[in-house]
């Protein structure tokens, strides 16, 4: 009976460790991709993240115009 109880108590911990391991692996892959990528790829990722924060269509259109204006000045 005590072996079953130990197994039940140990299962959430191993599951948590597995989740932490997967999260750390994903984070490491993201950091590696960021530093390995080109400047254009990083700029494109920043722009995509900025556009994804738009709250509605009007906001999205304003953000697109702002990015277009910045790229015209560069």
C-alpha atoms as a PDB file:
ATOM      1  CA  UNK A   1       0.000   0.000   0.000  1.00  0.00           C
ATOM      2  CA  UNK A   2       2.788   2.495   0.832  1.00  0.00           C
ATOM      3  CA  UNK A   3       4.453   1.834  -2.544  1.00  0.00           C
ATOM      4  CA  UNK A   4       1.309   2.937  -4.353  1.00  0.00           C
ATOM      5  CA  UNK A   5       1.124   6.074  -2.221  1.00  0.00           C
ATOM      6  CA  UNK A   6       4.770   6.911  -3.005  1.00  0.00           C
ATOM      7  CA  UNK A   7       4.140   6.416  -6.717  1.00  0.00           C
ATOM      8  CA  UNK A   8       1.119   8.715  -6.640  1.00  0.00           C
ATOM      9  CA  UNK A   9       3.035  11.417  -4.770  1.00  0.00           C
ATOM     10  CA  UNK A  10       6.053  11.171  -7.092  1.00  0.00           C
ATOM     11  CA  UNK A  11       4.076  11.435 -10.332  1.00  0.00           C
ATOM     12  CA  UNK A  12       3.277  15.191 -10.164  1.00  0.00           C
ATOM     13  CA  UNK A  13       6.914  16.007  -9.384  1.00  0.00           C
ATOM     14  CA  UNK A  14       8.206  14.059 -12.374  1.00  0.00           C
ATOM     15  CA  UNK A  15       5.548  15.671 -14.543  1.00  0.00           C
ATOM     16  CA  UNK A  16       6.589  19.102 -13.310  1.00  0.00           C
ATOM     17  CA  UNK A  17      10.252  18.366 -13.983  1.00  0.00           C
ATOM     18  CA  UNK A  18       9.377  17.219 -17.474  1.00  0.00           C
ATOM     19  CA  UNK A  19       7.443  20.433 -18.115  1.00  0.00           C
ATOM     20  CA  UNK A  20      10.288  22.578 -16.772  1.00  0.00           C
ATOM     21  CA  UNK A  21      12.751  20.684 -18.937  1.00  0.00           C
ATOM     22  CA  UNK A  22      10.640  21.212 -22.057  1.00  0.00           C
ATOM     23  CA  UNK A  23      10.185  24.901 -21.238  1.00  0.00           C
ATOM     24  CA  UNK A  24      13.914  25.379 -20.718  1.00  0.00           C
ATOM     25  CA  UNK A  25      14.639  23.573 -23.993  1.00  0.00           C
ATOM     26  CA  UNK A  26      12.195  25.817 -25.865  1.00  0.00           C
ATOM     27  CA  UNK A  27      13.694  28.928 -24.259  1.00  0.00           C
ATOM     28  CA  UNK A  28      17.216  27.852 -25.173  1.00  0.00           C
ATOM     29  CA  UNK A  29      16.128  27.212 -28.760  1.00  0.00           C
ATOM     30  CA  UNK A  30      14.515  30.667 -28.958  1.00  0.00           C
ATOM     31  CA  UNK A  31      17.607  32.415 -27.618  1.00  0.00           C
ATOM     32  CA  UNK A  32      19.835  30.469 -30.010  1.00  0.00           C
ATOM     33  CA  UNK A  33      17.571  31.313 -32.953  1.00  0.00           C
ATOM     34  CA  UNK A  34      17.566  34.984 -31.965  1.00  0.00           C
ATOM     35  CA  UNK A  35      21.345  35.272 -31.928  1.00  0.00           C
ATOM     36  CA  UNK A  36      21.838  33.042 -34.965  1.00  0.00           C
ATOM     37  CA  UNK A  37      19.308  34.919 -37.095  1.00  0.00           C
ATOM     38  CA  UNK A  38      20.067  37.850 -39.314  1.00  0.00           C
ATOM     39  CA  UNK A  39      19.252  41.435 -38.458  1.00  0.00           C
ATOM     40  CA  UNK A  40      16.435  41.374 -41.019  1.00  0.00           C
ATOM     41  CA  UNK A  41      14.893  38.299 -39.403  1.00  0.00           C
ATOM     42  CA  UNK A  42      15.040  39.932 -35.964  1.00  0.00           C
ATOM     43  CA  UNK A  43      13.461  43.130 -37.317  1.00  0.00           C
ATOM     44  CA  UNK A  44      10.720  41.115 -39.002  1.00  0.00           C
ATOM     45  CA  UNK A  45      10.042  39.250 -35.737  1.00  0.00           C
ATOM     46  CA  UNK A  46       9.873  42.550 -33.808  1.00  0.00           C
ATOM     47  CA  UNK A  47       7.467  43.997 -36.376  1.00  0.00           C
ATOM     48  CA  UNK A  48       5.264  40.893 -36.275  1.00  0.00           C
ATOM     49  CA  UNK A  49       5.152  41.035 -32.476  1.00  0.00           C
ATOM     50  CA  UNK A  50       4.314  44.764 -32.598  1.00  0.00           C
ATOM     51  CA  UNK A  51       1.504  44.181 -35.102  1.00  0.00           C
ATOM     52  CA  UNK A  52       0.120  41.264 -33.093  1.00  0.00           C
ATOM     53  CA  UNK A  53      -0.478  43.623 -30.165  1.00  0.00           C
ATOM     54  CA  UNK A  54      -3.090  45.571 -32.147  1.00  0.00           C
ATOM     55  CA  UNK A  55      -6.437  45.719 -30.385  1.00  0.00           C
ATOM     56  CA  UNK A  56      -8.652  46.169 -33.435  1.00  0.00           C
ATOM     57  CA  UNK A  57      -8.503  46.716 -37.194  1.00  0.00           C
ATOM     58  CA  UNK A  58      -8.066  50.477 -36.868  1.00  0.00           C
ATOM     59  CA  UNK A  59      -5.142  50.000 -34.495  1.00  0.00           C
ATOM     60  CA  UNK A  60      -3.601  47.407 -36.831  1.00  0.00           C
ATOM     61  CA  UNK A  61      -3.854  49.734 -39.824  1.00  0.00           C
ATOM     62  CA  UNK A  62      -2.272  52.575 -37.843  1.00  0.00           C
ATOM     63  CA  UNK A  63       0.585  50.300 -36.790  1.00  0.00           C
ATOM     64  CA  UNK A  64       1.148  49.169 -40.389  1.00  0.00           C
ATOM     65  CA  UNK A  65       1.282  52.801 -41.546  1.00  0.00           C
ATOM     66  CA  UNK A  66       3.738  53.617 -38.763  1.00  0.00           C
ATOM     67  CA  UNK A  67       6.037  50.742 -39.758  1.00  0.00           C
ATOM     68  CA  UNK A  68       5.822  51.728 -43.419  1.00  0.00           C
ATOM     69  CA  UNK A  69       6.713  55.310 -42.513  1.00  0.00           C
ATOM     70  CA  UNK A  70       9.721  54.122 -40.478  1.00  0.00           C
ATOM     71  CA  UNK A  71      10.968  51.894 -43.316  1.00  0.00           C
ATOM     72  CA  UNK A  72      10.650  54.771 -45.791  1.00  0.00           C
ATOM     73  CA  UNK A  73      12.832  56.944 -43.562  1.00  0.00           C
ATOM     74  CA  UNK A  74      15.519  54.261 -43.195  1.00  0.00           C
END
